[in-house]
């Protein structure tokens, strides 16, 4: 199970990753975007840390994350990540701990939120190119009988591979789509920050001895 403490640890770890990778994410975005993704995500997660509630309701925690990201992250990323967390919050409202099945729902709801908000699909050089493989790998591992942490490990590896797979893609959504062929050979910054979010969920579960 993932407790509300695990979820809070996850959010704090994600904030650390956004801070530590601010320059890297901005460098990636400079090649195909507005060169602000790293700064935006760092600013957004700093706001998240200020708004984290002292609450055992996982849905309430995720909703607070969503609202902070929507209000503080500029460009398209704020509404996209905000909707991702808001959909997960709605799906998990009232839960004080998450089972393996609940974590699968968290990932599925996150995918659904991005698809709904961004009208995007896999293969378009976006957040979804990390998030969809993560959900699918988690789902497959769980169906095979893997424990929660092993499922998250599989999701993390899939997210990383999905992130790397954006390099040869031509962007068809967002600011990067304006570049056409010139968007090829660049790793998508959104897929990269999404990988960091999935990775820190695995780390929070592992370090917190989730069962």
N, C-alpha and C. Protein backbone atom coordinates (compact mmCIF):
# COMPACT_ATOMS: atom_id res chain seq x y z
N UNK A 1 0.84 -1.21 0.00
CA UNK A 1 0.00 0.00 0.00
C UNK A 1 0.87 1.26 0.00
N UNK A 2 0.38 2.28 -0.65
CA UNK A 2 0.99 3.60 -0.57
C UNK A 2 0.15 4.45 0.36
N UNK A 3 0.72 4.92 1.44
CA UNK A 3 0.01 5.77 2.37
C UNK A 3 0.04 7.23 1.91
N UNK A 4 -0.71 8.06 2.60
CA UNK A 4 -0.66 9.49 2.28
C UNK A 4 0.75 10.05 2.51
N UNK A 5 1.49 9.44 3.45
CA UNK A 5 2.87 9.87 3.68
C UNK A 5 3.76 9.56 2.48
N UNK A 6 3.53 8.40 1.87
CA UNK A 6 4.26 8.08 0.64
C UNK A 6 3.97 9.11 -0.46
N UNK A 7 2.71 9.49 -0.57
CA UNK A 7 2.32 10.44 -1.61
C UNK A 7 2.96 11.81 -1.36
N UNK A 8 2.97 12.24 -0.11
CA UNK A 8 3.62 13.51 0.21
C UNK A 8 5.12 13.44 -0.07
N UNK A 9 5.74 12.32 0.27
CA UNK A 9 7.16 12.14 -0.03
C UNK A 9 7.39 12.18 -1.53
N UNK A 10 6.52 11.56 -2.28
CA UNK A 10 6.61 11.58 -3.75
C UNK A 10 6.62 13.02 -4.28
N UNK A 11 5.68 13.81 -3.80
CA UNK A 11 5.57 15.19 -4.28
C UNK A 11 6.83 15.99 -3.92
N UNK A 12 7.34 15.78 -2.72
CA UNK A 12 8.55 16.49 -2.30
C UNK A 12 9.76 16.07 -3.15
N UNK A 13 9.84 14.79 -3.45
CA UNK A 13 10.94 14.29 -4.28
C UNK A 13 10.82 14.85 -5.71
N UNK A 14 9.60 14.93 -6.20
CA UNK A 14 9.41 15.52 -7.54
C UNK A 14 9.86 16.97 -7.56
N UNK A 15 9.54 17.69 -6.49
CA UNK A 15 9.98 19.09 -6.40
C UNK A 15 11.50 19.19 -6.42
N UNK A 16 12.17 18.29 -5.70
CA UNK A 16 13.64 18.27 -5.71
C UNK A 16 14.17 18.02 -7.11
N UNK A 17 13.55 17.08 -7.83
CA UNK A 17 14.00 16.75 -9.19
C UNK A 17 13.80 17.93 -10.13
N UNK A 18 12.69 18.63 -10.01
CA UNK A 18 12.45 19.79 -10.87
C UNK A 18 13.46 20.90 -10.59
N UNK A 19 13.81 21.05 -9.32
CA UNK A 19 14.82 22.05 -8.96
C UNK A 19 16.19 21.64 -9.52
N UNK A 20 16.56 20.40 -9.29
CA UNK A 20 17.89 19.94 -9.70
C UNK A 20 18.04 19.86 -11.21
N UNK A 21 16.93 19.64 -11.92
CA UNK A 21 16.99 19.49 -13.37
C UNK A 21 16.43 20.71 -14.12
N UNK A 22 16.30 21.80 -13.40
CA UNK A 22 15.74 23.01 -14.00
C UNK A 22 16.52 23.43 -15.25
N UNK A 23 17.84 23.47 -15.13
CA UNK A 23 18.66 23.87 -16.27
C UNK A 23 18.58 22.89 -17.42
N UNK A 24 18.59 21.59 -17.10
CA UNK A 24 18.52 20.56 -18.13
C UNK A 24 17.20 20.62 -18.89
N UNK A 25 16.09 20.74 -18.16
CA UNK A 25 14.79 20.81 -18.80
C UNK A 25 14.66 22.07 -19.67
N UNK A 26 15.23 23.16 -19.19
CA UNK A 26 15.19 24.40 -19.97
C UNK A 26 16.04 24.27 -21.23
N UNK A 27 17.17 23.59 -21.11
CA UNK A 27 18.03 23.36 -22.28
C UNK A 27 17.30 22.52 -23.33
N UNK A 28 16.60 21.48 -22.89
CA UNK A 28 15.82 20.66 -23.82
C UNK A 28 14.74 21.51 -24.49
N UNK A 29 14.10 22.36 -23.71
CA UNK A 29 13.01 23.19 -24.24
C UNK A 29 13.53 24.28 -25.16
N UNK A 30 14.75 24.71 -24.95
CA UNK A 30 15.31 25.75 -25.80
C UNK A 30 15.44 25.27 -27.25
N UNK A 31 15.63 23.96 -27.42
CA UNK A 31 15.81 23.42 -28.77
C UNK A 31 14.52 23.37 -29.57
N UNK A 32 13.38 23.15 -28.86
CA UNK A 32 12.13 22.96 -29.61
C UNK A 32 10.94 23.74 -29.02
N UNK A 33 11.20 24.56 -28.01
CA UNK A 33 10.09 25.28 -27.37
C UNK A 33 10.46 26.70 -27.02
N UNK A 34 10.00 27.13 -25.88
CA UNK A 34 10.19 28.52 -25.45
C UNK A 34 11.29 28.70 -24.41
N UNK A 35 12.05 27.64 -24.16
CA UNK A 35 13.18 27.69 -23.22
C UNK A 35 12.74 28.08 -21.81
N UNK A 36 11.55 27.62 -21.41
CA UNK A 36 11.07 27.98 -20.07
C UNK A 36 10.54 26.79 -19.27
N UNK A 37 10.61 25.59 -19.82
CA UNK A 37 9.98 24.45 -19.16
C UNK A 37 10.61 24.16 -17.79
N UNK A 38 11.91 24.19 -17.71
CA UNK A 38 12.57 23.92 -16.44
C UNK A 38 12.22 24.94 -15.39
N UNK A 39 12.27 26.21 -15.75
CA UNK A 39 11.93 27.27 -14.80
C UNK A 39 10.47 27.18 -14.38
N UNK A 40 9.60 26.89 -15.35
CA UNK A 40 8.18 26.79 -15.04
C UNK A 40 7.88 25.65 -14.08
N UNK A 41 8.47 24.48 -14.34
CA UNK A 41 8.21 23.32 -13.48
C UNK A 41 8.79 23.52 -12.09
N UNK A 42 9.95 24.12 -12.02
CA UNK A 42 10.56 24.41 -10.71
C UNK A 42 9.69 25.39 -9.94
N UNK A 43 9.25 26.44 -10.58
CA UNK A 43 8.37 27.43 -9.93
C UNK A 43 7.06 26.78 -9.49
N UNK A 44 6.51 25.94 -10.36
CA UNK A 44 5.25 25.28 -10.03
C UNK A 44 5.36 24.37 -8.83
N UNK A 45 6.43 23.60 -8.76
CA UNK A 45 6.59 22.68 -7.63
C UNK A 45 6.97 23.40 -6.35
N UNK A 46 7.61 24.53 -6.46
CA UNK A 46 7.84 25.33 -5.25
C UNK A 46 6.50 25.78 -4.67
N UNK A 47 5.59 26.16 -5.55
CA UNK A 47 4.25 26.55 -5.11
C UNK A 47 3.51 25.35 -4.53
N UNK A 48 3.72 24.19 -5.11
CA UNK A 48 3.10 22.97 -4.61
C UNK A 48 3.51 22.72 -3.16
N UNK A 49 4.80 22.85 -2.88
CA UNK A 49 5.29 22.60 -1.52
C UNK A 49 4.66 23.56 -0.51
N UNK A 50 4.37 24.77 -0.96
CA UNK A 50 3.75 25.75 -0.07
C UNK A 50 2.28 25.43 0.20
N UNK A 51 1.67 24.67 -0.72
CA UNK A 51 0.23 24.41 -0.64
C UNK A 51 -0.11 22.99 -0.18
N UNK A 52 0.91 22.16 0.06
CA UNK A 52 0.63 20.78 0.45
C UNK A 52 -0.17 20.75 1.75
N UNK A 53 -1.33 20.10 1.73
CA UNK A 53 -2.14 20.07 2.95
C UNK A 53 -1.67 19.02 3.94
N UNK A 54 -1.93 19.27 5.19
CA UNK A 54 -1.69 18.26 6.22
C UNK A 54 -2.94 17.40 6.29
N UNK A 55 -3.03 16.46 5.37
CA UNK A 55 -4.26 15.72 5.17
C UNK A 55 -3.93 14.27 4.85
N UNK A 56 -4.73 13.35 5.35
CA UNK A 56 -4.53 11.94 5.03
C UNK A 56 -5.26 11.52 3.77
N UNK A 57 -6.06 12.40 3.22
CA UNK A 57 -6.82 12.11 2.01
C UNK A 57 -5.92 12.29 0.79
N UNK A 58 -5.60 11.19 0.12
CA UNK A 58 -4.71 11.26 -1.04
C UNK A 58 -5.32 12.16 -2.12
N UNK A 59 -6.63 12.05 -2.29
CA UNK A 59 -7.29 12.90 -3.28
C UNK A 59 -7.10 14.38 -2.99
N UNK A 60 -7.18 14.75 -1.72
CA UNK A 60 -6.99 16.16 -1.34
C UNK A 60 -5.56 16.62 -1.60
N UNK A 61 -4.60 15.75 -1.34
CA UNK A 61 -3.20 16.09 -1.60
C UNK A 61 -2.99 16.33 -3.09
N UNK A 62 -3.50 15.42 -3.91
CA UNK A 62 -3.31 15.53 -5.36
C UNK A 62 -4.06 16.73 -5.93
N UNK A 63 -5.20 17.06 -5.35
CA UNK A 63 -5.93 18.24 -5.81
C UNK A 63 -5.15 19.51 -5.51
N UNK A 64 -4.50 19.56 -4.35
CA UNK A 64 -3.68 20.72 -4.00
C UNK A 64 -2.52 20.87 -4.98
N UNK A 65 -1.92 19.74 -5.35
CA UNK A 65 -0.84 19.77 -6.35
C UNK A 65 -1.37 20.33 -7.66
N UNK A 66 -2.53 19.83 -8.08
CA UNK A 66 -3.12 20.28 -9.34
C UNK A 66 -3.36 21.78 -9.36
N UNK A 67 -3.97 22.29 -8.30
CA UNK A 67 -4.30 23.71 -8.26
C UNK A 67 -3.06 24.59 -8.28
N UNK A 68 -2.01 24.16 -7.57
CA UNK A 68 -0.77 24.95 -7.54
C UNK A 68 -0.11 24.96 -8.91
N UNK A 69 -0.10 23.82 -9.59
CA UNK A 69 0.54 23.76 -10.90
C UNK A 69 -0.24 24.58 -11.93
N UNK A 70 -1.56 24.51 -11.86
CA UNK A 70 -2.37 25.29 -12.79
C UNK A 70 -2.12 26.78 -12.62
N UNK A 71 -1.97 27.21 -11.37
CA UNK A 71 -1.83 28.64 -11.09
C UNK A 71 -0.43 29.17 -11.32
N UNK A 72 0.59 28.31 -11.22
CA UNK A 72 1.96 28.81 -11.23
C UNK A 72 2.81 28.39 -12.43
N UNK A 73 2.45 27.31 -13.11
CA UNK A 73 3.26 26.86 -14.25
C UNK A 73 2.75 27.53 -15.51
N UNK A 74 3.65 28.19 -16.22
CA UNK A 74 3.26 28.91 -17.42
C UNK A 74 3.10 28.01 -18.63
N UNK A 75 2.60 28.60 -19.71
CA UNK A 75 2.46 27.88 -20.97
C UNK A 75 1.43 26.77 -20.89
N UNK A 76 1.61 25.78 -21.76
CA UNK A 76 0.67 24.66 -21.81
C UNK A 76 0.88 23.69 -20.66
N UNK A 77 2.07 23.67 -20.08
CA UNK A 77 2.40 22.66 -19.07
C UNK A 77 1.53 22.77 -17.83
N UNK A 78 1.21 23.98 -17.40
CA UNK A 78 0.40 24.16 -16.20
C UNK A 78 -0.96 23.48 -16.30
N UNK A 79 -1.75 23.82 -17.33
CA UNK A 79 -3.04 23.16 -17.49
C UNK A 79 -2.93 21.65 -17.70
N UNK A 80 -1.89 21.22 -18.41
CA UNK A 80 -1.75 19.79 -18.68
C UNK A 80 -1.42 19.00 -17.42
N UNK A 81 -0.38 19.42 -16.71
CA UNK A 81 -0.02 18.72 -15.48
C UNK A 81 -1.08 18.91 -14.41
N UNK A 82 -1.68 20.09 -14.39
CA UNK A 82 -2.75 20.32 -13.44
C UNK A 82 -3.92 19.39 -13.66
N UNK A 83 -4.32 19.23 -14.92
CA UNK A 83 -5.42 18.32 -15.24
C UNK A 83 -5.05 16.88 -14.94
N UNK A 84 -3.80 16.52 -15.19
CA UNK A 84 -3.33 15.17 -14.90
C UNK A 84 -3.53 14.85 -13.41
N UNK A 85 -3.07 15.75 -12.55
CA UNK A 85 -3.20 15.52 -11.11
C UNK A 85 -4.65 15.66 -10.65
N UNK A 86 -5.43 16.53 -11.28
CA UNK A 86 -6.81 16.72 -10.88
C UNK A 86 -7.65 15.48 -11.19
N UNK A 87 -7.41 14.88 -12.35
CA UNK A 87 -8.14 13.66 -12.69
C UNK A 87 -7.80 12.54 -11.72
N UNK A 88 -6.52 12.44 -11.36
CA UNK A 88 -6.12 11.44 -10.38
C UNK A 88 -6.74 11.73 -9.02
N UNK A 89 -6.80 13.00 -8.66
CA UNK A 89 -7.40 13.39 -7.38
C UNK A 89 -8.86 12.99 -7.32
N UNK A 90 -9.58 13.23 -8.39
CA UNK A 90 -11.00 12.88 -8.42
C UNK A 90 -11.21 11.38 -8.31
N UNK A 91 -10.33 10.62 -8.95
CA UNK A 91 -10.46 9.16 -8.94
C UNK A 91 -10.14 8.57 -7.57
N UNK A 92 -9.31 9.27 -6.79
CA UNK A 92 -8.82 8.71 -5.52
C UNK A 92 -9.34 9.47 -4.30
N UNK A 93 -10.34 10.28 -4.51
CA UNK A 93 -10.91 11.09 -3.43
C UNK A 93 -11.34 10.22 -2.25
N UNK A 94 -10.91 10.64 -1.05
CA UNK A 94 -11.32 9.95 0.17
C UNK A 94 -10.43 8.79 0.58
N UNK A 95 -9.48 8.43 -0.27
CA UNK A 95 -8.61 7.29 0.06
C UNK A 95 -7.42 7.76 0.90
N UNK A 96 -7.15 7.04 1.98
CA UNK A 96 -6.00 7.36 2.84
C UNK A 96 -4.80 6.48 2.53
N UNK A 97 -5.00 5.46 1.73
CA UNK A 97 -3.91 4.59 1.28
C UNK A 97 -4.30 4.01 -0.08
N UNK A 98 -3.30 3.74 -0.89
CA UNK A 98 -3.54 3.26 -2.24
C UNK A 98 -3.04 1.83 -2.40
N UNK A 99 -3.92 0.97 -2.86
CA UNK A 99 -3.54 -0.39 -3.20
C UNK A 99 -2.84 -0.40 -4.54
N UNK A 100 -2.33 -1.54 -4.93
CA UNK A 100 -1.71 -1.66 -6.25
C UNK A 100 -2.71 -1.30 -7.33
N UNK A 101 -3.96 -1.70 -7.14
CA UNK A 101 -5.01 -1.37 -8.11
C UNK A 101 -5.26 0.14 -8.15
N UNK A 102 -5.22 0.79 -7.00
CA UNK A 102 -5.42 2.23 -6.93
C UNK A 102 -4.31 2.99 -7.66
N UNK A 103 -3.08 2.51 -7.53
CA UNK A 103 -1.97 3.16 -8.21
C UNK A 103 -2.13 3.03 -9.73
N UNK A 104 -2.62 1.88 -10.17
CA UNK A 104 -2.91 1.73 -11.60
C UNK A 104 -3.97 2.75 -12.03
N UNK A 105 -4.97 2.96 -11.18
CA UNK A 105 -6.00 3.95 -11.47
C UNK A 105 -5.41 5.36 -11.48
N UNK A 106 -4.47 5.63 -10.59
CA UNK A 106 -3.80 6.94 -10.58
C UNK A 106 -3.14 7.19 -11.93
N UNK A 107 -2.43 6.18 -12.43
CA UNK A 107 -1.74 6.34 -13.71
C UNK A 107 -2.72 6.46 -14.88
N UNK A 108 -3.76 5.63 -14.85
CA UNK A 108 -4.75 5.67 -15.92
C UNK A 108 -5.46 7.02 -15.94
N UNK A 109 -5.85 7.50 -14.77
CA UNK A 109 -6.54 8.79 -14.68
C UNK A 109 -5.63 9.92 -15.16
N UNK A 110 -4.34 9.81 -14.87
CA UNK A 110 -3.38 10.81 -15.34
C UNK A 110 -3.32 10.84 -16.85
N UNK A 111 -3.26 9.66 -17.45
CA UNK A 111 -3.27 9.57 -18.92
C UNK A 111 -4.56 10.18 -19.47
N UNK A 112 -5.68 9.80 -18.89
CA UNK A 112 -6.97 10.29 -19.37
C UNK A 112 -7.06 11.81 -19.28
N UNK A 113 -6.49 12.37 -18.21
CA UNK A 113 -6.51 13.82 -18.05
C UNK A 113 -5.72 14.53 -19.13
N UNK A 114 -4.54 14.01 -19.45
CA UNK A 114 -3.72 14.62 -20.48
C UNK A 114 -4.38 14.49 -21.85
N UNK A 115 -4.92 13.32 -22.14
CA UNK A 115 -5.60 13.10 -23.43
C UNK A 115 -6.78 14.07 -23.56
N UNK A 116 -7.55 14.20 -22.49
CA UNK A 116 -8.72 15.08 -22.52
C UNK A 116 -8.32 16.54 -22.71
N UNK A 117 -7.31 16.97 -21.98
CA UNK A 117 -6.92 18.38 -22.01
C UNK A 117 -6.13 18.73 -23.27
N UNK A 118 -5.19 17.85 -23.64
CA UNK A 118 -4.29 18.17 -24.74
C UNK A 118 -4.72 17.65 -26.09
N UNK A 119 -5.77 16.82 -26.12
CA UNK A 119 -6.23 16.22 -27.39
C UNK A 119 -5.06 15.56 -28.11
N UNK A 120 -4.22 14.88 -27.34
CA UNK A 120 -3.01 14.28 -27.90
C UNK A 120 -3.05 12.77 -27.76
N UNK A 121 -2.13 12.12 -28.44
CA UNK A 121 -2.02 10.67 -28.41
C UNK A 121 -0.54 10.29 -28.39
N UNK A 122 -0.26 9.03 -28.16
CA UNK A 122 1.13 8.56 -28.17
C UNK A 122 1.75 8.79 -29.54
N UNK A 123 3.05 9.06 -29.54
CA UNK A 123 3.77 9.23 -30.79
C UNK A 123 3.81 10.64 -31.32
N UNK A 124 3.31 11.61 -30.54
CA UNK A 124 3.28 13.00 -31.01
C UNK A 124 4.32 13.87 -30.31
N UNK A 125 5.26 13.24 -29.59
CA UNK A 125 6.36 13.94 -28.92
C UNK A 125 5.82 14.84 -27.81
N UNK A 126 5.14 14.20 -26.86
CA UNK A 126 4.54 14.93 -25.74
C UNK A 126 4.74 14.17 -24.43
N UNK A 127 4.16 14.73 -23.37
CA UNK A 127 4.10 14.09 -22.06
C UNK A 127 3.65 12.64 -22.15
N UNK A 128 2.68 12.40 -23.03
CA UNK A 128 2.07 11.06 -23.12
C UNK A 128 3.06 9.99 -23.56
N UNK A 129 4.13 10.38 -24.21
CA UNK A 129 5.09 9.38 -24.68
C UNK A 129 5.90 8.77 -23.55
N UNK A 130 5.88 9.40 -22.38
CA UNK A 130 6.40 8.78 -21.16
C UNK A 130 5.29 8.17 -20.33
N UNK A 131 4.16 8.89 -20.26
CA UNK A 131 3.09 8.51 -19.34
C UNK A 131 2.34 7.25 -19.78
N UNK A 132 2.03 7.16 -21.06
CA UNK A 132 1.30 5.97 -21.54
C UNK A 132 2.12 4.70 -21.37
N UNK A 133 3.40 4.67 -21.77
CA UNK A 133 4.18 3.46 -21.53
C UNK A 133 4.29 3.10 -20.04
N UNK A 134 4.36 4.12 -19.18
CA UNK A 134 4.43 3.87 -17.74
C UNK A 134 3.17 3.16 -17.26
N UNK A 135 2.03 3.66 -17.68
CA UNK A 135 0.76 3.03 -17.28
C UNK A 135 0.65 1.62 -17.83
N UNK A 136 1.00 1.45 -19.09
CA UNK A 136 0.87 0.13 -19.70
C UNK A 136 1.80 -0.88 -19.05
N UNK A 137 3.03 -0.46 -18.74
CA UNK A 137 3.99 -1.37 -18.11
C UNK A 137 3.53 -1.73 -16.70
N UNK A 138 3.01 -0.75 -15.97
CA UNK A 138 2.49 -1.02 -14.62
C UNK A 138 1.35 -2.02 -14.70
N UNK A 139 0.44 -1.79 -15.61
CA UNK A 139 -0.73 -2.65 -15.77
C UNK A 139 -0.33 -4.08 -16.11
N UNK A 140 0.62 -4.21 -17.03
CA UNK A 140 1.09 -5.55 -17.43
C UNK A 140 1.79 -6.26 -16.28
N UNK A 141 2.61 -5.54 -15.53
CA UNK A 141 3.31 -6.15 -14.40
C UNK A 141 2.32 -6.58 -13.33
N UNK A 142 1.33 -5.76 -13.08
CA UNK A 142 0.33 -6.11 -12.07
C UNK A 142 -0.48 -7.32 -12.51
N UNK A 143 -0.83 -7.39 -13.79
CA UNK A 143 -1.58 -8.53 -14.31
C UNK A 143 -0.78 -9.82 -14.19
N UNK A 144 0.55 -9.67 -14.25
CA UNK A 144 1.43 -10.84 -14.14
C UNK A 144 1.68 -11.24 -12.69
N UNK A 145 1.11 -10.49 -11.75
CA UNK A 145 1.23 -10.84 -10.34
C UNK A 145 2.33 -10.14 -9.58
N UNK A 146 2.95 -9.12 -10.19
CA UNK A 146 4.04 -8.40 -9.52
C UNK A 146 3.51 -7.55 -8.36
N UNK A 147 4.36 -7.37 -7.35
CA UNK A 147 4.01 -6.50 -6.22
C UNK A 147 4.07 -5.04 -6.65
N UNK A 148 3.52 -4.17 -5.82
CA UNK A 148 3.37 -2.75 -6.15
C UNK A 148 4.70 -2.12 -6.55
N UNK A 149 5.74 -2.33 -5.74
CA UNK A 149 7.03 -1.69 -6.04
C UNK A 149 7.60 -2.20 -7.35
N UNK A 150 7.47 -3.49 -7.62
CA UNK A 150 7.95 -4.04 -8.88
C UNK A 150 7.17 -3.46 -10.05
N UNK A 151 5.89 -3.24 -9.85
CA UNK A 151 5.07 -2.62 -10.90
C UNK A 151 5.55 -1.19 -11.19
N UNK A 152 5.86 -0.46 -10.12
CA UNK A 152 6.36 0.91 -10.29
C UNK A 152 7.75 0.93 -10.92
N UNK A 153 8.54 -0.07 -10.62
CA UNK A 153 9.86 -0.19 -11.25
C UNK A 153 9.69 -0.37 -12.76
N UNK A 154 8.77 -1.25 -13.14
CA UNK A 154 8.50 -1.48 -14.56
C UNK A 154 8.00 -0.20 -15.22
N UNK A 155 7.13 0.53 -14.52
CA UNK A 155 6.60 1.77 -15.05
C UNK A 155 7.70 2.81 -15.26
N UNK A 156 8.64 2.86 -14.32
CA UNK A 156 9.73 3.83 -14.41
C UNK A 156 10.64 3.54 -15.60
N UNK A 157 10.97 2.27 -15.79
CA UNK A 157 11.80 1.91 -16.94
C UNK A 157 11.07 2.21 -18.26
N UNK A 158 9.79 1.94 -18.29
CA UNK A 158 9.01 2.21 -19.50
C UNK A 158 8.92 3.71 -19.78
N UNK A 159 8.77 4.50 -18.73
CA UNK A 159 8.73 5.95 -18.90
C UNK A 159 10.05 6.48 -19.44
N UNK A 160 11.13 5.92 -18.94
CA UNK A 160 12.46 6.35 -19.42
C UNK A 160 12.64 6.00 -20.89
N UNK A 161 12.25 4.78 -21.25
CA UNK A 161 12.36 4.38 -22.66
C UNK A 161 11.45 5.24 -23.54
N UNK A 162 10.26 5.53 -23.03
CA UNK A 162 9.35 6.39 -23.79
C UNK A 162 9.91 7.79 -23.98
N UNK A 163 10.56 8.31 -22.94
CA UNK A 163 11.21 9.61 -23.02
C UNK A 163 12.28 9.61 -24.11
N UNK A 164 13.12 8.59 -24.11
CA UNK A 164 14.19 8.51 -25.10
C UNK A 164 13.62 8.32 -26.51
N UNK A 165 12.49 7.66 -26.60
CA UNK A 165 11.89 7.40 -27.91
C UNK A 165 11.35 8.67 -28.56
N UNK A 166 11.24 9.77 -27.80
CA UNK A 166 10.78 11.02 -28.41
C UNK A 166 11.86 11.67 -29.26
N UNK A 167 13.11 11.26 -29.08
CA UNK A 167 14.21 11.93 -29.78
C UNK A 167 14.03 11.91 -31.30
N UNK A 168 13.75 10.75 -31.93
CA UNK A 168 13.60 10.75 -33.38
C UNK A 168 12.23 11.21 -33.88
N UNK A 169 11.29 11.48 -32.98
CA UNK A 169 9.94 11.85 -33.40
C UNK A 169 9.89 13.27 -33.96
N UNK A 170 8.92 13.49 -34.81
CA UNK A 170 8.58 14.84 -35.27
C UNK A 170 7.37 15.30 -34.46
N UNK A 171 7.48 16.44 -33.82
CA UNK A 171 6.39 16.92 -32.97
C UNK A 171 5.19 17.33 -33.82
N UNK A 172 4.02 16.93 -33.35
CA UNK A 172 2.78 17.33 -34.03
C UNK A 172 1.83 18.06 -33.09
N UNK A 173 2.26 18.32 -31.87
CA UNK A 173 1.46 19.06 -30.91
C UNK A 173 2.31 20.15 -30.26
N UNK A 174 1.65 21.23 -29.87
CA UNK A 174 2.31 22.27 -29.09
C UNK A 174 3.29 23.11 -29.89
N UNK A 175 4.07 23.89 -29.15
CA UNK A 175 5.03 24.83 -29.74
C UNK A 175 6.02 24.11 -30.63
N UNK A 176 6.45 22.92 -30.25
CA UNK A 176 7.45 22.18 -31.03
C UNK A 176 6.94 21.81 -32.42
N UNK A 177 5.61 21.69 -32.58
CA UNK A 177 5.06 21.28 -33.88
C UNK A 177 5.32 22.32 -34.96
N UNK A 178 5.54 23.56 -34.55
CA UNK A 178 5.82 24.61 -35.53
C UNK A 178 7.13 24.36 -36.27
N UNK A 179 8.01 23.59 -35.66
CA UNK A 179 9.33 23.35 -36.25
C UNK A 179 9.32 22.24 -37.30
N UNK A 180 8.29 21.44 -37.31
CA UNK A 180 8.22 20.35 -38.29
C UNK A 180 9.41 19.41 -38.16
N UNK A 181 10.09 19.19 -39.27
CA UNK A 181 11.24 18.27 -39.30
C UNK A 181 12.34 18.69 -38.34
N UNK A 182 12.44 19.97 -38.07
CA UNK A 182 13.51 20.45 -37.19
C UNK A 182 13.31 20.02 -35.73
N UNK A 183 12.12 19.52 -35.41
CA UNK A 183 11.90 19.03 -34.05
C UNK A 183 12.49 17.63 -33.85
N UNK A 184 12.89 17.00 -34.94
CA UNK A 184 13.50 15.68 -34.84
C UNK A 184 14.88 15.78 -34.18
N UNK A 185 15.29 14.68 -33.54
CA UNK A 185 16.60 14.57 -32.90
C UNK A 185 16.73 15.39 -31.61
N UNK A 186 15.59 15.73 -31.03
CA UNK A 186 15.59 16.43 -29.75
C UNK A 186 14.65 15.70 -28.79
N UNK A 187 15.10 15.51 -27.56
CA UNK A 187 14.27 14.85 -26.54
C UNK A 187 13.21 15.82 -26.04
N UNK A 188 11.99 15.33 -25.92
CA UNK A 188 10.90 16.20 -25.51
C UNK A 188 11.02 16.57 -24.03
N UNK A 189 10.97 17.85 -23.70
CA UNK A 189 11.10 18.26 -22.28
C UNK A 189 9.94 17.79 -21.42
N UNK A 190 8.72 17.79 -21.97
CA UNK A 190 7.57 17.34 -21.20
C UNK A 190 7.64 15.86 -20.87
N UNK A 191 8.06 15.06 -21.84
CA UNK A 191 8.24 13.63 -21.59
C UNK A 191 9.33 13.40 -20.55
N UNK A 192 10.31 14.29 -20.53
CA UNK A 192 11.41 14.17 -19.56
C UNK A 192 10.94 14.49 -18.15
N UNK A 193 10.20 15.58 -17.98
CA UNK A 193 9.71 15.91 -16.64
C UNK A 193 8.69 14.86 -16.16
N UNK A 194 7.96 14.28 -17.10
CA UNK A 194 7.02 13.21 -16.73
C UNK A 194 7.77 11.98 -16.24
N UNK A 195 8.85 11.65 -16.91
CA UNK A 195 9.69 10.54 -16.43
C UNK A 195 10.17 10.80 -15.01
N UNK A 196 10.58 12.03 -14.72
CA UNK A 196 11.05 12.36 -13.37
C UNK A 196 9.93 12.18 -12.34
N UNK A 197 8.71 12.51 -12.71
CA UNK A 197 7.57 12.34 -11.81
C UNK A 197 7.31 10.86 -11.54
N UNK A 198 7.38 10.04 -12.56
CA UNK A 198 7.17 8.59 -12.39
C UNK A 198 8.31 7.99 -11.56
N UNK A 199 9.52 8.41 -11.85
CA UNK A 199 10.70 7.89 -11.14
C UNK A 199 10.62 8.20 -9.65
N UNK A 200 10.19 9.39 -9.31
CA UNK A 200 10.13 9.75 -7.90
C UNK A 200 8.99 9.05 -7.17
N UNK A 201 7.95 8.66 -7.90
CA UNK A 201 6.90 7.85 -7.28
C UNK A 201 7.46 6.49 -6.89
N UNK A 202 8.24 5.90 -7.79
CA UNK A 202 8.89 4.63 -7.48
C UNK A 202 9.85 4.78 -6.29
N UNK A 203 10.63 5.85 -6.28
CA UNK A 203 11.60 6.06 -5.20
C UNK A 203 10.89 6.25 -3.86
N UNK A 204 9.80 7.00 -3.86
CA UNK A 204 9.07 7.23 -2.61
C UNK A 204 8.49 5.93 -2.08
N UNK A 205 8.00 5.09 -2.97
CA UNK A 205 7.45 3.80 -2.56
C UNK A 205 8.55 2.88 -2.04
N UNK A 206 9.69 2.89 -2.72
CA UNK A 206 10.80 2.01 -2.35
C UNK A 206 11.40 2.40 -1.00
N UNK A 207 11.63 3.68 -0.83
CA UNK A 207 12.27 4.15 0.40
C UNK A 207 11.31 4.08 1.59
N UNK A 208 10.02 4.13 1.30
CA UNK A 208 9.04 4.10 2.38
C UNK A 208 8.50 2.71 2.67
N UNK A 209 9.12 1.71 2.04
CA UNK A 209 8.74 0.30 2.27
C UNK A 209 7.25 0.06 2.01
N UNK A 210 6.78 0.56 0.88
CA UNK A 210 5.40 0.29 0.49
C UNK A 210 5.26 -1.20 0.19
N UNK A 211 4.12 -1.75 0.51
CA UNK A 211 3.90 -3.19 0.29
C UNK A 211 2.90 -3.41 -0.83
